[in-house]
Amino acid sequence: METEVTPHELPRRWVNLLLYCLSTACNGITWVTCSPITNEVSSAYGVSTLWVEMCSLSFMIFYIPVNFPSNYALDRFGLKLGVRE
């Protein structure tokens, strides 16, 4: 005789989703804020504006391929092991 288990959502799942969305938004904001100060940074460090723009572009280049494995690790192993240093 098998009993049917009904899944239920815990309220803390919404907190985890909110924290994940906030951390992703903070990463995006950090990426976008580098763009307006490109000229100032390039003159302060003596590099071309292309190198400064490449720093912000590298975030978007690496975000897409790294996002899927990291989400898989979080889903498979949980937050405690997925975010381990």
C-alpha atoms as a PDB file:
ATOM      1  CA  MET A   1       0.000   0.000   0.000  1.00  0.00           C
ATOM      2  CA  GLU A   2       1.555   3.260  -1.140  1.00  0.00           C
ATOM      3  CA  THR A   3       0.708   6.632   0.289  1.00  0.00           C
ATOM      4  CA  GLU A   4       0.718   9.591  -2.035  1.00  0.00           C
ATOM      5  CA  VAL A   5       2.914  12.454  -0.926  1.00  0.00           C
ATOM      6  CA  THR A   6       1.761  15.882  -2.010  1.00  0.00           C
ATOM      7  CA  PRO A   7       4.483  18.481  -2.478  1.00  0.00           C
ATOM      8  CA  HIS A   8       4.139  21.764  -0.680  1.00  0.00           C
ATOM      9  CA  GLU A   9       6.025  25.015  -0.931  1.00  0.00           C
ATOM     10  CA  LEU A  10       7.827  26.394   2.031  1.00  0.00           C
ATOM     11  CA  PRO A  11       7.818  30.170   2.566  1.00  0.00           C
ATOM     12  CA  ARG A  12      11.614  30.177   2.816  1.00  0.00           C
ATOM     13  CA  ARG A  13      11.789  29.197  -0.871  1.00  0.00           C
ATOM     14  CA  TRP A  14      10.497  32.654  -1.718  1.00  0.00           C
ATOM     15  CA  VAL A  15      13.159  34.201   0.497  1.00  0.00           C
ATOM     16  CA  ASN A  16      15.832  32.185  -1.315  1.00  0.00           C
ATOM     17  CA  LEU A  17      14.428  33.262  -4.666  1.00  0.00           C
ATOM     18  CA  LEU A  18      14.425  36.895  -3.542  1.00  0.00           C
ATOM     19  CA  LEU A  19      18.046  36.649  -2.367  1.00  0.00           C
ATOM     20  CA  TYR A  20      19.099  35.055  -5.642  1.00  0.00           C
ATOM     21  CA  CYS A  21      17.327  37.768  -7.649  1.00  0.00           C
ATOM     22  CA  LEU A  22      18.913  40.503  -5.546  1.00  0.00           C
ATOM     23  CA  SER A  23      22.403  39.055  -5.950  1.00  0.00           C
ATOM     24  CA  THR A  24      21.919  38.770  -9.716  1.00  0.00           C
ATOM     25  CA  ALA A  25      20.625  42.341  -9.833  1.00  0.00           C
ATOM     26  CA  CYS A  26      23.629  43.569  -7.831  1.00  0.00           C
ATOM     27  CA  ASN A  27      25.981  41.861 -10.275  1.00  0.00           C
ATOM     28  CA  GLY A  28      24.168  43.485 -13.190  1.00  0.00           C
ATOM     29  CA  ILE A  29      24.226  46.900 -11.542  1.00  0.00           C
ATOM     30  CA  THR A  30      27.948  46.572 -10.924  1.00  0.00           C
ATOM     31  CA  TRP A  31      28.451  45.719 -14.581  1.00  0.00           C
ATOM     32  CA  VAL A  32      26.357  48.665 -15.814  1.00  0.00           C
ATOM     33  CA  THR A  33      27.921  51.260 -13.499  1.00  0.00           C
ATOM     34  CA  CYS A  34      31.364  50.790 -15.061  1.00  0.00           C
ATOM     35  CA  SER A  35      30.197  52.069 -18.429  1.00  0.00           C
ATOM     36  CA  PRO A  36      29.658  55.795 -17.647  1.00  0.00           C
ATOM     37  CA  ILE A  37      33.088  56.205 -16.049  1.00  0.00           C
ATOM     38  CA  THR A  38      35.100  54.613 -18.835  1.00  0.00           C
ATOM     39  CA  ASN A  39      36.908  57.818 -19.822  1.00  0.00           C
ATOM     40  CA  GLU A  40      37.821  58.702 -16.230  1.00  0.00           C
ATOM     41  CA  VAL A  41      39.143  55.222 -15.468  1.00  0.00           C
ATOM     42  CA  SER A  42      41.151  55.043 -18.689  1.00  0.00           C
ATOM     43  CA  SER A  43      42.799  58.401 -18.021  1.00  0.00           C
ATOM     44  CA  ALA A  44      43.450  57.591 -14.349  1.00  0.00           C
ATOM     45  CA  TYR A  45      45.147  54.264 -15.096  1.00  0.00           C
ATOM     46  CA  GLY A  46      46.688  55.223 -18.421  1.00  0.00           C
ATOM     47  CA  VAL A  47      45.017  52.514 -20.491  1.00  0.00           C
ATOM     48  CA  SER A  48      42.809  52.714 -23.537  1.00  0.00           C
ATOM     49  CA  THR A  49      39.041  52.814 -23.187  1.00  0.00           C
ATOM     50  CA  LEU A  50      38.861  49.474 -24.988  1.00  0.00           C
ATOM     51  CA  TRP A  51      40.533  47.718 -22.038  1.00  0.00           C
ATOM     52  CA  VAL A  52      38.164  49.346 -19.565  1.00  0.00           C
ATOM     53  CA  GLU A  53      35.175  48.312 -21.654  1.00  0.00           C
ATOM     54  CA  MET A  54      36.567  44.776 -21.894  1.00  0.00           C
ATOM     55  CA  CYS A  55      36.517  44.545 -18.098  1.00  0.00           C
ATOM     56  CA  SER A  56      32.786  45.189 -18.042  1.00  0.00           C
ATOM     57  CA  LEU A  57      32.215  43.052 -21.129  1.00  0.00           C
ATOM     58  CA  SER A  58      34.008  40.097 -19.541  1.00  0.00           C
ATOM     59  CA  PHE A  59      31.214  39.945 -16.959  1.00  0.00           C
ATOM     60  CA  MET A  60      28.622  39.310 -19.652  1.00  0.00           C
ATOM     61  CA  ILE A  61      30.870  36.922 -21.568  1.00  0.00           C
ATOM     62  CA  PHE A  62      31.444  34.717 -18.529  1.00  0.00           C
ATOM     63  CA  TYR A  63      28.001  35.142 -16.959  1.00  0.00           C
ATOM     64  CA  ILE A  64      26.101  33.053 -19.499  1.00  0.00           C
ATOM     65  CA  PRO A  65      28.304  29.918 -19.570  1.00  0.00           C
ATOM     66  CA  VAL A  66      28.999  29.995 -15.816  1.00  0.00           C
ATOM     67  CA  ASN A  67      25.361  30.627 -14.865  1.00  0.00           C
ATOM     68  CA  PHE A  68      24.030  27.230 -15.955  1.00  0.00           C
ATOM     69  CA  PRO A  69      26.584  25.038 -14.133  1.00  0.00           C
ATOM     70  CA  SER A  70      26.313  27.137 -10.990  1.00  0.00           C
ATOM     71  CA  ASN A  71      22.519  26.871 -11.011  1.00  0.00           C
ATOM     72  CA  TYR A  72      22.847  23.116 -11.501  1.00  0.00           C
ATOM     73  CA  ALA A  73      25.243  22.886  -8.534  1.00  0.00           C
ATOM     74  CA  LEU A  74      22.885  24.906  -6.358  1.00  0.00           C
ATOM     75  CA  ASP A  75      19.950  22.740  -7.367  1.00  0.00           C
ATOM     76  CA  ARG A  76      21.815  19.452  -6.994  1.00  0.00           C
ATOM     77  CA  PHE A  77      23.878  20.064  -3.848  1.00  0.00           C
ATOM     78  CA  GLY A  78      22.004  22.866  -2.121  1.00  0.00           C
ATOM     79  CA  LEU A  79      23.035  26.340  -1.127  1.00  0.00           C
ATOM     80  CA  LYS A  80      25.471  25.252   1.590  1.00  0.00           C
ATOM     81  CA  LEU A  81      27.678  23.148  -0.693  1.00  0.00           C
ATOM     82  CA  GLY A  82      27.007  25.143  -3.865  1.00  0.00           C
ATOM     83  CA  VAL A  83      28.411  28.389  -2.473  1.00  0.00           C
ATOM     84  CA  ARG A  84      31.324  26.860  -0.609  1.00  0.00           C
ATOM     85  CA  GLU A  85      34.595  28.722  -1.041  1.00  0.00           C
END
